[in-house]
Amino acid sequence: MQPPASSRTIKRWIKEGITPEEAFERIPNPGYAQGLIYLITNKITDKKYVGLTVQKLERRWEYHVQQARANYIKSDESLHAAIREYGEDAFDIEAIDKGTTKKDLELKERKWIEELNTLVPHGYNISKGGVSGGSHKKPTTIDNITFESVKKAAEYLAKSINISIAAAEKRIHTGRVDIKKPAKQGHSLIKTKAYKAWSRIIHGALNPNSKEYIPDITIDESWRDFNNFFRDVGNPPEQDMAFTRLDKSKGFFPSNCAWLIKSEASKINAAYMKKTGRLTGRKKKK
């Protein structure tokens, strides 16, 4: 079957992070073909919000809820504040119009905001509308929050770690969004034994491209975030300690890991290597 988009467009989409399956099925310029004007109504207060989207209504509503939980828009008059106050079940969302071009959608958004009188304080719209992003918005997830575009995600990231939006966009494109806010002087954990142990696990034991890679070994999902790892294990109580798996046949989990004196850790390692036939003793000198 012939895909809707050209091979060049498909290649570009895949390079931008879209899966091959989605790229082959995607219609070029989805904002023009599938753009909607939608209406959100608070069933308790009857206040309304008009929006423009090129996504499915269900997905757009999910974005609103996720961003409300993240306190993304703090204005007390905003839709997000209302979702936090009344709960997501207090709202209905419906499509009220369609558009065929970006300009057409923006004009209709402005028209509906004016016609339904949804500007604050009468409704939840905090602007007159009519300004949308590009037609190729790419949903982007940061801190388990899904944003409808890289631009929105970059604004959140920039505010969260106090960097410029340009720097935030670069980090998103290079996959470096997990970098934390610089620690205050005297509070950095990067040079601690806990961080070094965690880094060896993530970038060594679990990395197929590393010489320290251990096949078939997994990690507690929460430990992929250093903050969770540090919360559970902390730094070693004594300097001469190593972070060790108690059962070498199992992965990195709270019940299977501990800080041990290095001599004890070596005994566990030697016993496992002997059991698996990988321990070879030193040849005695004649």
Foldseek 3Di string as FASTA:
>chain_A
DQAQDDPVQLVVVVLQPDDSVCSSNDHPLLCQVQKFWKKKAQQVPRAIDIDIDSDDPVVVLLLLQLCLVVCVDVDCLAPSVVCVVPNSVRMDMDTDDGHRDLQRRQVVSLVVCVVVVQDPPRHHDVDSTSDDDDSPADWDDDPNRTDRHLQSVLVVLCVQQVHDSVVSSVCRSVVNSLDHHDDDPPPDCCPALLNVQLCCVVVPCCDPVHPNHDPPEDADVVSVRVVSSCVLANGDPDDQWDWAFQQVVYYHYSVGIHTDRPVVRVVSVQVVCVVVVNDDDDDDDD
